[in-house]
C-alpha atoms as a PDB file:
ATOM      1  CA  MET A   1     111.091  89.115  62.230  1.00  0.00           C
ATOM      2  CA  LEU A   2     114.266  87.156  62.837  1.00  0.00           C
ATOM      3  CA  ASP A   3     114.076  83.655  64.298  1.00  0.00           C
ATOM      4  CA  GLN A   4     116.859  84.016  66.873  1.00  0.00           C
ATOM      5  CA  THR A   5     116.832  80.313  67.763  1.00  0.00           C
ATOM      6  CA  ALA A   6     117.265  79.302  64.122  1.00  0.00           C
ATOM      7  CA  LEU A   7     120.003  81.915  63.719  1.00  0.00           C
ATOM      8  CA  ALA A   8     121.897  80.569  66.734  1.00  0.00           C
ATOM      9  CA  GLU A   9     121.628  77.042  65.343  1.00  0.00           C
ATOM     10  CA  ALA A  10     122.870  78.130  61.907  1.00  0.00           C
ATOM     11  CA  LEU A  11     125.788  79.951  63.517  1.00  0.00           C
ATOM     12  CA  ARG A  12     126.689  76.923  65.645  1.00  0.00           C
ATOM     13  CA  ASP A  13     126.593  74.436  62.770  1.00  0.00           C
ATOM     14  CA  GLY A  14     128.430  76.695  60.317  1.00  0.00           C
ATOM     15  CA  THR A  15     125.530  77.317  57.941  1.00  0.00           C
ATOM     16  CA  ILE A  16     126.193  80.992  58.618  1.00  0.00           C
ATOM     17  CA  ALA A  17     129.783  82.066  59.310  1.00  0.00           C
ATOM     18  CA  GLY A  18     128.939  85.041  61.509  1.00  0.00           C
ATOM     19  CA  ALA A  19     126.372  87.657  62.407  1.00  0.00           C
ATOM     20  CA  GLY A  20     126.208  91.192  63.757  1.00  0.00           C
ATOM     21  CA  LEU A  21     123.040  92.166  65.606  1.00  0.00           C
ATOM     22  CA  ASP A  22     121.791  95.457  66.997  1.00  0.00           C
ATOM     23  CA  VAL A  23     118.127  94.649  67.676  1.00  0.00           C
ATOM     24  CA  TYR A  24     116.714  91.683  69.573  1.00  0.00           C
ATOM     25  CA  GLU A  25     113.326  90.140  70.144  1.00  0.00           C
ATOM     26  CA  GLY A  26     112.267  90.847  73.712  1.00  0.00           C
ATOM     27  CA  GLU A  27     114.743  93.664  74.308  1.00  0.00           C
ATOM     28  CA  PRO A  28     116.492  94.480  76.522  1.00  0.00           C
ATOM     29  CA  ALA A  29     117.092  90.744  77.023  1.00  0.00           C
ATOM     30  CA  VAL A  30     119.642  89.250  74.640  1.00  0.00           C
ATOM     31  CA  PRO A  31     119.316  85.468  74.251  1.00  0.00           C
ATOM     32  CA  THR A  32     122.008  83.490  76.044  1.00  0.00           C
ATOM     33  CA  GLU A  33     122.349  81.219  73.010  1.00  0.00           C
ATOM     34  CA  LEU A  34     123.598  84.215  70.987  1.00  0.00           C
ATOM     35  CA  ARG A  35     125.763  85.696  73.763  1.00  0.00           C
ATOM     36  CA  GLU A  36     127.688  82.442  74.096  1.00  0.00           C
ATOM     37  CA  LEU A  37     128.778  82.303  70.438  1.00  0.00           C
ATOM     38  CA  ASP A  38     132.210  83.538  69.336  1.00  0.00           C
ATOM     39  CA  ASN A  39     131.045  84.269  65.784  1.00  0.00           C
ATOM     40  CA  VAL A  40     128.484  86.907  66.791  1.00  0.00           C
ATOM     41  CA  VAL A  41     128.951  90.625  67.421  1.00  0.00           C
ATOM     42  CA  LEU A  42     126.187  92.072  69.610  1.00  0.00           C
ATOM     43  CA  LEU A  43     125.516  95.779  70.031  1.00  0.00           C
ATOM     44  CA  PRO A  44     123.108  97.416  72.498  1.00  0.00           C
ATOM     45  CA  HIS A  45     120.589  98.766  69.946  1.00  0.00           C
ATOM     46  CA  LEU A  46     122.601 101.810  68.992  1.00  0.00           C
ATOM     47  CA  GLY A  47     122.889 101.428  65.234  1.00  0.00           C
ATOM     48  CA  SER A  48     121.026 104.691  64.731  1.00  0.00           C
ATOM     49  CA  ALA A  49     123.084 106.611  67.297  1.00  0.00           C
ATOM     50  CA  THR A  50     124.725 109.110  64.979  1.00  0.00           C
ATOM     51  CA  THR A  51     124.063 112.823  64.870  1.00  0.00           C
ATOM     52  CA  GLU A  52     123.027 112.571  61.221  1.00  0.00           C
ATOM     53  CA  THR A  53     120.580 109.727  61.772  1.00  0.00           C
ATOM     54  CA  ARG A  54     119.014 111.208  64.896  1.00  0.00           C
ATOM     55  CA  THR A  55     118.625 114.566  63.128  1.00  0.00           C
ATOM     56  CA  ALA A  56     116.959 112.820  60.172  1.00  0.00           C
ATOM     57  CA  MET A  57     114.616 111.007  62.578  1.00  0.00           C
ATOM     58  CA  GLY A  58     113.635 114.331  64.144  1.00  0.00           C
ATOM     59  CA  MET A  59     113.018 115.830  60.721  1.00  0.00           C
ATOM     60  CA  LEU A  60     110.708 112.902  59.867  1.00  0.00           C
ATOM     61  CA  VAL A  61     108.676 113.717  62.962  1.00  0.00           C
ATOM     62  CA  LEU A  62     108.400 117.354  61.905  1.00  0.00           C
ATOM     63  CA  ASP A  63     107.421 116.343  58.339  1.00  0.00           C
ATOM     64  CA  ASN A  64     104.710 114.054  59.727  1.00  0.00           C
ATOM     65  CA  LEU A  65     103.383 116.762  62.034  1.00  0.00           C
ATOM     66  CA  GLN A  66     103.332 119.310  59.231  1.00  0.00           C
ATOM     67  CA  ALA A  67     101.429 116.920  56.967  1.00  0.00           C
ATOM     68  CA  TYR A  68      98.923 116.161  59.741  1.00  0.00           C
ATOM     69  CA  VAL A  69      98.322 119.855  60.464  1.00  0.00           C
ATOM     70  CA  GLU A  70      97.763 120.442  56.750  1.00  0.00           C
ATOM     71  CA  GLY A  71      95.326 117.524  56.513  1.00  0.00           C
ATOM     72  CA  ARG A  72      97.635 115.379  54.403  1.00  0.00           C
ATOM     73  CA  GLU A  73      98.721 111.774  54.872  1.00  0.00           C
ATOM     74  CA  PRO A  74     101.968 111.726  56.893  1.00  0.00           C
ATOM     75  CA  PRO A  75     104.887 110.693  54.640  1.00  0.00           C
ATOM     76  CA  CYS A  76     106.273 108.304  57.248  1.00  0.00           C
ATOM     77  CA  ARG A  77     103.178 106.942  58.942  1.00  0.00           C
ATOM     78  CA  VAL A  78     103.776 104.485  61.786  1.00  0.00           C
ATOM     79  CA  ALA A  79     100.236 103.573  62.776  1.00  0.00           C
END
């Protein structure tokens, strides 16, 4: 997990030159300390929003279901 407070501090003091973020702790809230920085690019959690990626995610679901039905360990187990 990313320490957003430490990241904001490192961005402010120049330890890190810049950052691009797509996922945030406590979504949908984005910390004000990150929103106020000019050296940060913030996206609304859409890094996986491509046809190819979403299709691959759907195929993972089908692979997991098939494995479960066949009594095998799902290849991409979440829980």
